[in-house]
Amino acid sequence: MGRRDGKWRKKRKRTENIEELRGRKEVKMINRKKEKERKKERKKERKKERKKERKKERKKERGVKRRKRGNSENKDKNFRKENNV
């Protein structure tokens, strides 16, 4: 379970150009940065969507409460009118 675990893999020869390697590393870094940016954008989008949904929910709840309050007041008024209270 130590060093020799992956020993069956062939070691890559280190005869490649240092410039090439450097270029590849830079490309990797650039790609990583781009991926981070995309991730941030996705996170922002999800946050906006959640915010919209919460707003809708609150709006619905508020509307229900208002309607209930209005109905009870109307019922009370009608009750008073009918029974001359």
PDB file of N, CA and C in Angstrom:
ATOM      1  N   MET A   1       0.805  -1.211   0.000  1.00  0.00           N
ATOM      2  CA  MET A   1       0.000   0.000   0.000  1.00  0.00           C
ATOM      3  C   MET A   1       0.842   1.266   0.000  1.00  0.00           C
ATOM      4  N   GLY A   2       2.120   1.112  -0.239  1.00  0.00           N
ATOM      5  CA  GLY A   2       2.982   2.280  -0.161  1.00  0.00           C
ATOM      6  C   GLY A   2       3.317   2.837  -1.522  1.00  0.00           C
ATOM      7  N   ARG A   3       4.582   3.065  -1.724  1.00  0.00           N
ATOM      8  CA  ARG A   3       5.058   3.671  -2.958  1.00  0.00           C
ATOM      9  C   ARG A   3       4.804   2.798  -4.182  1.00  0.00           C
ATOM     10  N   ARG A   4       4.909   1.516  -4.006  1.00  0.00           N
ATOM     11  CA  ARG A   4       4.917   0.614  -5.158  1.00  0.00           C
ATOM     12  C   ARG A   4       3.520   0.294  -5.705  1.00  0.00           C
ATOM     13  N   ASP A   5       2.486   0.952  -5.177  1.00  0.00           N
ATOM     14  CA  ASP A   5       1.114   0.671  -5.615  1.00  0.00           C
ATOM     15  C   ASP A   5       0.929   0.836  -7.116  1.00  0.00           C
ATOM     16  N   GLY A   6       1.346   1.961  -7.651  1.00  0.00           N
ATOM     17  CA  GLY A   6       1.118   2.226  -9.070  1.00  0.00           C
ATOM     18  C   GLY A   6       2.323   1.876  -9.922  1.00  0.00           C
ATOM     19  N   LYS A   7       3.094   0.932  -9.488  1.00  0.00           N
ATOM     20  CA  LYS A   7       4.366   0.627 -10.152  1.00  0.00           C
ATOM     21  C   LYS A   7       4.177   0.078 -11.562  1.00  0.00           C
ATOM     22  N   TRP A   8       3.043  -0.513 -11.848  1.00  0.00           N
ATOM     23  CA  TRP A   8       2.800  -1.105 -13.172  1.00  0.00           C
ATOM     24  C   TRP A   8       2.687  -0.036 -14.254  1.00  0.00           C
ATOM     25  N   ARG A   9       2.411   1.205 -13.847  1.00  0.00           N
ATOM     26  CA  ARG A   9       2.303   2.271 -14.834  1.00  0.00           C
ATOM     27  C   ARG A   9       3.681   2.617 -15.377  1.00  0.00           C
ATOM     28  N   LYS A  10       3.725   2.860 -16.662  1.00  0.00           N
ATOM     29  CA  LYS A  10       4.997   3.182 -17.297  1.00  0.00           C
ATOM     30  C   LYS A  10       5.346   4.636 -16.990  1.00  0.00           C
ATOM     31  N   LYS A  11       6.583   4.880 -16.611  1.00  0.00           N
ATOM     32  CA  LYS A  11       6.994   6.249 -16.323  1.00  0.00           C
ATOM     33  C   LYS A  11       7.117   7.020 -17.636  1.00  0.00           C
ATOM     34  N   ARG A  12       6.678   8.285 -17.638  1.00  0.00           N
ATOM     35  CA  ARG A  12       6.771   9.105 -18.838  1.00  0.00           C
ATOM     36  C   ARG A  12       8.206   9.614 -18.994  1.00  0.00           C
ATOM     37  N   LYS A  13       8.699   9.536 -20.182  1.00  0.00           N
ATOM     38  CA  LYS A  13      10.060  10.014 -20.421  1.00  0.00           C
ATOM     39  C   LYS A  13      10.086  11.531 -20.290  1.00  0.00           C
ATOM     40  N   ARG A  14      11.158  12.036 -19.728  1.00  0.00           N
ATOM     41  CA  ARG A  14      11.273  13.472 -19.508  1.00  0.00           C
ATOM     42  C   ARG A  14      12.130  14.134 -20.584  1.00  0.00           C
ATOM     43  N   THR A  15      11.908  13.737 -21.816  1.00  0.00           N
ATOM     44  CA  THR A  15      12.699  14.317 -22.908  1.00  0.00           C
ATOM     45  C   THR A  15      11.945  15.468 -23.571  1.00  0.00           C
ATOM     46  N   GLU A  16      10.745  15.815 -23.014  1.00  0.00           N
ATOM     47  CA  GLU A  16       9.951  16.886 -23.631  1.00  0.00           C
ATOM     48  C   GLU A  16      10.601  18.242 -23.384  1.00  0.00           C
ATOM     49  N   ASN A  17      10.251  19.186 -24.210  1.00  0.00           N
ATOM     50  CA  ASN A  17      10.773  20.542 -24.047  1.00  0.00           C
ATOM     51  C   ASN A  17      10.230  21.159 -22.770  1.00  0.00           C
ATOM     52  N   ILE A  18      11.104  21.889 -22.095  1.00  0.00           N
ATOM     53  CA  ILE A  18      10.668  22.578 -20.881  1.00  0.00           C
ATOM     54  C   ILE A  18       9.644  23.645 -21.266  1.00  0.00           C
ATOM     55  N   GLU A  19       9.864  24.306 -22.421  1.00  0.00           N
ATOM     56  CA  GLU A  19       8.924  25.347 -22.868  1.00  0.00           C
ATOM     57  C   GLU A  19       7.539  24.756 -23.095  1.00  0.00           C
ATOM     58  N   GLU A  20       7.525  23.566 -23.714  1.00  0.00           N
ATOM     59  CA  GLU A  20       6.238  22.900 -23.970  1.00  0.00           C
ATOM     60  C   GLU A  20       5.507  22.645 -22.663  1.00  0.00           C
ATOM     61  N   LEU A  21       6.252  22.097 -21.705  1.00  0.00           N
ATOM     62  CA  LEU A  21       5.657  21.802 -20.406  1.00  0.00           C
ATOM     63  C   LEU A  21       5.119  23.079 -19.775  1.00  0.00           C
ATOM     64  N   ARG A  22       5.947  24.131 -19.836  1.00  0.00           N
ATOM     65  CA  ARG A  22       5.528  25.399 -19.250  1.00  0.00           C
ATOM     66  C   ARG A  22       4.242  25.875 -19.918  1.00  0.00           C
ATOM     67  N   GLY A  23       4.205  25.756 -21.266  1.00  0.00           N
ATOM     68  CA  GLY A  23       3.016  26.163 -22.012  1.00  0.00           C
ATOM     69  C   GLY A  23       1.798  25.386 -21.567  1.00  0.00           C
ATOM     70  N   ARG A  24       1.965  24.078 -21.401  1.00  0.00           N
ATOM     71  CA  ARG A  24       0.849  23.240 -20.975  1.00  0.00           C
ATOM     72  C   ARG A  24       0.349  23.650 -19.601  1.00  0.00           C
ATOM     73  N   LYS A  25       1.327  23.917 -18.699  1.00  0.00           N
ATOM     74  CA  LYS A  25       0.935  24.328 -17.349  1.00  0.00           C
ATOM     75  C   LYS A  25       0.130  25.624 -17.402  1.00  0.00           C
ATOM     76  N   GLU A  26       0.602  26.559 -18.224  1.00  0.00           N
ATOM     77  CA  GLU A  26      -0.108  27.836 -18.354  1.00  0.00           C
ATOM     78  C   GLU A  26      -1.516  27.607 -18.884  1.00  0.00           C
ATOM     79  N   VAL A  27      -1.617  26.733 -19.877  1.00  0.00           N
ATOM     80  CA  VAL A  27      -2.937  26.424 -20.440  1.00  0.00           C
ATOM     81  C   VAL A  27      -3.835  25.843 -19.355  1.00  0.00           C
ATOM     82  N   LYS A  28      -3.270  24.923 -18.573  1.00  0.00           N
ATOM     83  CA  LYS A  28      -4.050  24.326 -17.479  1.00  0.00           C
ATOM     84  C   LYS A  28      -4.533  25.394 -16.517  1.00  0.00           C
ATOM     85  N   MET A  29      -3.617  26.310 -16.160  1.00  0.00           N
ATOM     86  CA  MET A  29      -3.973  27.369 -15.220  1.00  0.00           C
ATOM     87  C   MET A  29      -5.088  28.245 -15.800  1.00  0.00           C
ATOM     88  N   ILE A  30      -4.933  28.590 -17.083  1.00  0.00           N
ATOM     89  CA  ILE A  30      -5.947  29.425 -17.741  1.00  0.00           C
ATOM     90  C   ILE A  30      -7.299  28.710 -17.728  1.00  0.00           C
ATOM     91  N   ASN A  31      -7.276  27.420 -18.092  1.00  0.00           N
ATOM     92  CA  ASN A  31      -8.527  26.649 -18.096  1.00  0.00           C
ATOM     93  C   ASN A  31      -9.142  26.594 -16.707  1.00  0.00           C
ATOM     94  N   ARG A  32      -8.281  26.428 -15.712  1.00  0.00           N
ATOM     95  CA  ARG A  32      -8.778  26.367 -14.336  1.00  0.00           C
ATOM     96  C   ARG A  32      -9.458  27.677 -13.960  1.00  0.00           C
ATOM     97  N   LYS A  33      -8.811  28.803 -14.350  1.00  0.00           N
ATOM     98  CA  LYS A  33      -9.394  30.114 -14.060  1.00  0.00           C
ATOM     99  C   LYS A  33     -10.751  30.264 -14.747  1.00  0.00           C
ATOM    100  N   LYS A  34     -10.805  29.869 -16.023  1.00  0.00           N
ATOM    101  CA  LYS A  34     -12.065  29.972 -16.768  1.00  0.00           C
ATOM    102  C   LYS A  34     -13.145  29.143 -16.092  1.00  0.00           C
ATOM    103  N   GLU A  35     -12.779  27.923 -15.672  1.00  0.00           N
ATOM    104  CA  GLU A  35     -13.738  27.036 -15.012  1.00  0.00           C
ATOM    105  C   GLU A  35     -14.246  27.671 -13.718  1.00  0.00           C
ATOM    106  N   LYS A  36     -13.328  28.304 -12.980  1.00  0.00           N
ATOM    107  CA  LYS A  36     -13.722  28.988 -11.740  1.00  0.00           C
ATOM    108  C   LYS A  36     -14.728  30.082 -12.042  1.00  0.00           C
ATOM    109  N   GLU A  37     -14.442  30.850 -13.088  1.00  0.00           N
ATOM    110  CA  GLU A  37     -15.355  31.933 -13.474  1.00  0.00           C
ATOM    111  C   GLU A  37     -16.734  31.371 -13.810  1.00  0.00           C
ATOM    112  N   ARG A  38     -16.752  30.286 -14.613  1.00  0.00           N
ATOM    113  CA  ARG A  38     -18.026  29.667 -14.987  1.00  0.00           C
ATOM    114  C   ARG A  38     -18.781  29.200 -13.751  1.00  0.00           C
ATOM    115  N   LYS A  39     -18.020  28.617 -12.826  1.00  0.00           N
ATOM    116  CA  LYS A  39     -18.623  28.121 -11.586  1.00  0.00           C
ATOM    117  C   LYS A  39     -19.273  29.279 -10.821  1.00  0.00           C
ATOM    118  N   LYS A  40     -18.535  30.403 -10.729  1.00  0.00           N
ATOM    119  CA  LYS A  40     -19.063  31.587 -10.041  1.00  0.00           C
ATOM    120  C   LYS A  40     -20.351  32.057 -10.715  1.00  0.00           C
ATOM    121  N   GLU A  41     -20.335  32.112 -12.057  1.00  0.00           N
ATOM    122  CA  GLU A  41     -21.512  32.560 -12.804  1.00  0.00           C
ATOM    123  C   GLU A  41     -22.709  31.655 -12.504  1.00  0.00           C
ATOM    124  N   ARG A  42     -22.462  30.332 -12.551  1.00  0.00           N
ATOM    125  CA  ARG A  42     -23.542  29.374 -12.277  1.00  0.00           C
ATOM    126  C   ARG A  42     -24.093  29.576 -10.875  1.00  0.00           C
ATOM    127  N   LYS A  43     -23.169  29.811  -9.931  1.00  0.00           N
ATOM    128  CA  LYS A  43     -23.581  30.018  -8.545  1.00  0.00           C
ATOM    129  C   LYS A  43     -24.471  31.262  -8.446  1.00  0.00           C
ATOM    130  N   LYS A  44     -24.051  32.338  -9.126  1.00  0.00           N
ATOM    131  CA  LYS A  44     -24.835  33.579  -9.119  1.00  0.00           C
ATOM    132  C   LYS A  44     -26.230  33.333  -9.698  1.00  0.00           C
ATOM    133  N   GLU A  45     -26.272  32.614 -10.823  1.00  0.00           N
ATOM    134  CA  GLU A  45     -27.554  32.329 -11.477  1.00  0.00           C
ATOM    135  C   GLU A  45     -28.473  31.563 -10.529  1.00  0.00           C
ATOM    136  N   ARG A  46     -27.916  30.514  -9.895  1.00  0.00           N
ATOM    137  CA  ARG A  46     -28.719  29.708  -8.968  1.00  0.00           C
ATOM    138  C   ARG A  46     -29.229  30.563  -7.820  1.00  0.00           C
ATOM    139  N   LYS A  47     -28.340  31.452  -7.333  1.00  0.00           N
ATOM    140  CA  LYS A  47     -28.725  32.329  -6.228  1.00  0.00           C
ATOM    141  C   LYS A  47     -29.891  33.226  -6.647  1.00  0.00           C
ATOM    142  N   LYS A  48     -29.797  33.791  -7.864  1.00  0.00           N
ATOM    143  CA  LYS A  48     -30.866  34.651  -8.374  1.00  0.00           C
ATOM    144  C   LYS A  48     -32.179  33.878  -8.476  1.00  0.00           C
ATOM    145  N   GLU A  49     -32.097  32.657  -9.019  1.00  0.00           N
ATOM    146  CA  GLU A  49     -33.303  31.839  -9.174  1.00  0.00           C
ATOM    147  C   GLU A  49     -33.946  31.554  -7.824  1.00  0.00           C
ATOM    148  N   ARG A  50     -33.103  31.171  -6.846  1.00  0.00           N
ATOM    149  CA  ARG A  50     -33.625  30.885  -5.504  1.00  0.00           C
ATOM    150  C   ARG A  50     -34.290  32.112  -4.912  1.00  0.00           C
ATOM    151  N   LYS A  51     -33.646  33.266  -5.123  1.00  0.00           N
ATOM    152  CA  LYS A  51     -34.182  34.517  -4.601  1.00  0.00           C
ATOM    153  C   LYS A  51     -35.560  34.792  -5.209  1.00  0.00           C
ATOM    154  N   LYS A  52     -35.678  34.586  -6.534  1.00  0.00           N
ATOM    155  CA  LYS A  52     -36.950  34.804  -7.217  1.00  0.00           C
ATOM    156  C   LYS A  52     -38.029  33.880  -6.657  1.00  0.00           C
ATOM    157  N   GLU A  53     -37.653  32.597  -6.481  1.00  0.00           N
ATOM    158  CA  GLU A  53     -38.617  31.621  -5.965  1.00  0.00           C
ATOM    159  C   GLU A  53     -39.091  32.018  -4.574  1.00  0.00           C
ATOM    160  N   ARG A  54     -38.122  32.410  -3.707  1.00  0.00           N
ATOM    161  CA  ARG A  54     -38.490  32.815  -2.346  1.00  0.00           C
ATOM    162  C   ARG A  54     -39.424  34.010  -2.389  1.00  0.00           C
ATOM    163  N   LYS A  55     -39.121  34.948  -3.296  1.00  0.00           N
ATOM    164  CA  LYS A  55     -39.950  36.145  -3.427  1.00  0.00           C
ATOM    165  C   LYS A  55     -41.376  35.748  -3.818  1.00  0.00           C
ATOM    166  N   LYS A  56     -41.486  34.830  -4.787  1.00  0.00           N
ATOM    167  CA  LYS A  56     -42.799  34.367  -5.228  1.00  0.00           C
ATOM    168  C   LYS A  56     -43.560  33.733  -4.074  1.00  0.00           C
ATOM    169  N   GLU A  57     -42.852  32.877  -3.313  1.00  0.00           N
ATOM    170  CA  GLU A  57     -43.491  32.194  -2.182  1.00  0.00           C
ATOM    171  C   GLU A  57     -44.021  33.218  -1.186  1.00  0.00           C
ATOM    172  N   ARG A  58     -43.164  34.189  -0.851  1.00  0.00           N
ATOM    173  CA  ARG A  58     -43.576  35.209   0.117  1.00  0.00           C
ATOM    174  C   ARG A  58     -44.782  35.977  -0.399  1.00  0.00           C
ATOM    175  N   LYS A  59     -44.755  36.282  -1.702  1.00  0.00           N
ATOM    176  CA  LYS A  59     -45.848  37.032  -2.310  1.00  0.00           C
ATOM    177  C   LYS A  59     -47.148  36.236  -2.181  1.00  0.00           C
ATOM    178  N   LYS A  60     -47.060  34.924  -2.477  1.00  0.00           N
ATOM    179  CA  LYS A  60     -48.239  34.066  -2.367  1.00  0.00           C
ATOM    180  C   LYS A  60     -48.769  34.070  -0.949  1.00  0.00           C
ATOM    181  N   GLU A  61     -47.868  33.864   0.012  1.00  0.00           N
ATOM    182  CA  GLU A  61     -48.281  33.821   1.416  1.00  0.00           C
ATOM    183  C   GLU A  61     -48.939  35.131   1.823  1.00  0.00           C
ATOM    184  N   ARG A  62     -48.307  36.233   1.422  1.00  0.00           N
ATOM    185  CA  ARG A  62     -48.847  37.534   1.766  1.00  0.00           C
ATOM    186  C   ARG A  62     -50.249  37.701   1.180  1.00  0.00           C
ATOM    187  N   GLY A  63     -50.395  37.282  -0.067  1.00  0.00           N
ATOM    188  CA  GLY A  63     -51.689  37.392  -0.739  1.00  0.00           C
ATOM    189  C   GLY A  63     -52.749  36.588  -0.014  1.00  0.00           C
ATOM    190  N   VAL A  64     -52.419  35.401   0.407  1.00  0.00           N
ATOM    191  CA  VAL A  64     -53.364  34.540   1.119  1.00  0.00           C
ATOM    192  C   VAL A  64     -53.779  35.203   2.416  1.00  0.00           C
ATOM    193  N   LYS A  65     -52.808  35.725   3.137  1.00  0.00           N
ATOM    194  CA  LYS A  65     -53.111  36.372   4.416  1.00  0.00           C
ATOM    195  C   LYS A  65     -54.060  37.549   4.197  1.00  0.00           C
ATOM    196  N   ARG A  66     -53.756  38.357   3.193  1.00  0.00           N
ATOM    197  CA  ARG A  66     -54.608  39.516   2.924  1.00  0.00           C
ATOM    198  C   ARG A  66     -56.030  39.078   2.601  1.00  0.00           C
ATOM    199  N   ARG A  67     -56.128  38.071   1.742  1.00  0.00           N
ATOM    200  CA  ARG A  67     -57.457  37.611   1.350  1.00  0.00           C
ATOM    201  C   ARG A  67     -58.235  37.122   2.562  1.00  0.00           C
ATOM    202  N   LYS A  68     -57.581  36.363   3.403  1.00  0.00           N
ATOM    203  CA  LYS A  68     -58.255  35.843   4.595  1.00  0.00           C
ATOM    204  C   LYS A  68     -58.753  36.992   5.453  1.00  0.00           C
ATOM    205  N   ARG A  69     -57.866  37.963   5.667  1.00  0.00           N
ATOM    206  CA  ARG A  69     -58.214  39.084   6.517  1.00  0.00           C
ATOM    207  C   ARG A  69     -59.415  39.821   5.926  1.00  0.00           C
ATOM    208  N   GLY A  70     -59.365  40.064   4.613  1.00  0.00           N
ATOM    209  CA  GLY A  70     -60.445  40.776   3.946  1.00  0.00           C
ATOM    210  C   GLY A  70     -61.769  40.034   4.065  1.00  0.00           C
ATOM    211  N   ASN A  71     -61.725  38.717   3.844  1.00  0.00           N
ATOM    212  CA  ASN A  71     -62.942  37.925   3.899  1.00  0.00           C
ATOM    213  C   ASN A  71     -63.558  37.964   5.293  1.00  0.00           C
ATOM    214  N   SER A  72     -62.709  37.821   6.294  1.00  0.00           N
ATOM    215  CA  SER A  72     -63.252  37.781   7.655  1.00  0.00           C
ATOM    216  C   SER A  72     -63.909  39.123   7.987  1.00  0.00           C
ATOM    217  N   GLU A  73     -63.256  40.224   7.540  1.00  0.00           N
ATOM    218  CA  GLU A  73     -63.846  41.535   7.808  1.00  0.00           C
ATOM    219  C   GLU A  73     -65.194  41.661   7.096  1.00  0.00           C
ATOM    220  N   ASN A  74     -65.259  41.240   5.831  1.00  0.00           N
ATOM    221  CA  ASN A  74     -66.506  41.324   5.079  1.00  0.00           C
ATOM    222  C   ASN A  74     -67.587  40.480   5.733  1.00  0.00           C
ATOM    223  N   LYS A  75     -67.217  39.272   6.133  1.00  0.00           N
ATOM    224  CA  LYS A  75     -68.193  38.392   6.780  1.00  0.00           C
ATOM    225  C   LYS A  75     -68.732  39.059   8.032  1.00  0.00           C
ATOM    226  N   ASP A  76     -67.824  39.666   8.783  1.00  0.00           N
ATOM    227  CA  ASP A  76     -68.213  40.326  10.021  1.00  0.00           C
ATOM    228  C   ASP A  76     -69.178  41.481   9.727  1.00  0.00           C
ATOM    229  N   LYS A  77     -68.866  42.263   8.686  1.00  0.00           N
ATOM    230  CA  LYS A  77     -69.746  43.378   8.316  1.00  0.00           C
ATOM    231  C   LYS A  77     -71.127  42.852   7.926  1.00  0.00           C
ATOM    232  N   ASN A  78     -71.134  41.818   7.080  1.00  0.00           N
ATOM    233  CA  ASN A  78     -72.403  41.243   6.644  1.00  0.00           C
ATOM    234  C   ASN A  78     -73.196  40.712   7.835  1.00  0.00           C
ATOM    235  N   PHE A  79     -72.489  40.058   8.728  1.00  0.00           N
ATOM    236  CA  PHE A  79     -73.140  39.510   9.919  1.00  0.00           C
ATOM    237  C   PHE A  79     -73.795  40.647  10.713  1.00  0.00           C
ATOM    238  N   ARG A  80     -73.057  41.764  10.871  1.00  0.00           N
ATOM    239  CA  ARG A  80     -73.587  42.907  11.618  1.00  0.00           C
ATOM    240  C   ARG A  80     -74.836  43.467  10.929  1.00  0.00           C
ATOM    241  N   LYS A  81     -74.750  43.573   9.576  1.00  0.00           N
ATOM    242  CA  LYS A  81     -75.882  44.137   8.836  1.00  0.00           C
ATOM    243  C   LYS A  81     -77.117  43.247   8.996  1.00  0.00           C
ATOM    244  N   GLU A  82     -76.900  41.932   8.829  1.00  0.00           N
ATOM    245  CA  GLU A  82     -78.043  41.008   8.882  1.00  0.00           C
ATOM    246  C   GLU A  82     -78.671  40.970  10.267  1.00  0.00           C
ATOM    247  N   ASN A  83     -77.860  41.025  11.289  1.00  0.00           N
ATOM    248  CA  ASN A  83     -78.371  40.867  12.655  1.00  0.00           C
ATOM    249  C   ASN A  83     -78.515  42.187  13.399  1.00  0.00           C
ATOM    250  N   ASN A  84     -78.277  43.300  12.695  1.00  0.00           N
ATOM    251  CA  ASN A  84     -78.387  44.635  13.277  1.00  0.00           C
ATOM    252  C   ASN A  84     -77.612  44.768  14.590  1.00  0.00           C
ATOM    253  N   VAL A  85     -76.355  44.350  14.531  1.00  0.00           N
ATOM    254  CA  VAL A  85     -75.540  44.431  15.758  1.00  0.00           C
ATOM    255  C   VAL A  85     -74.837  45.770  15.804  1.00  0.00           C
TER     256      VAL A  85
END
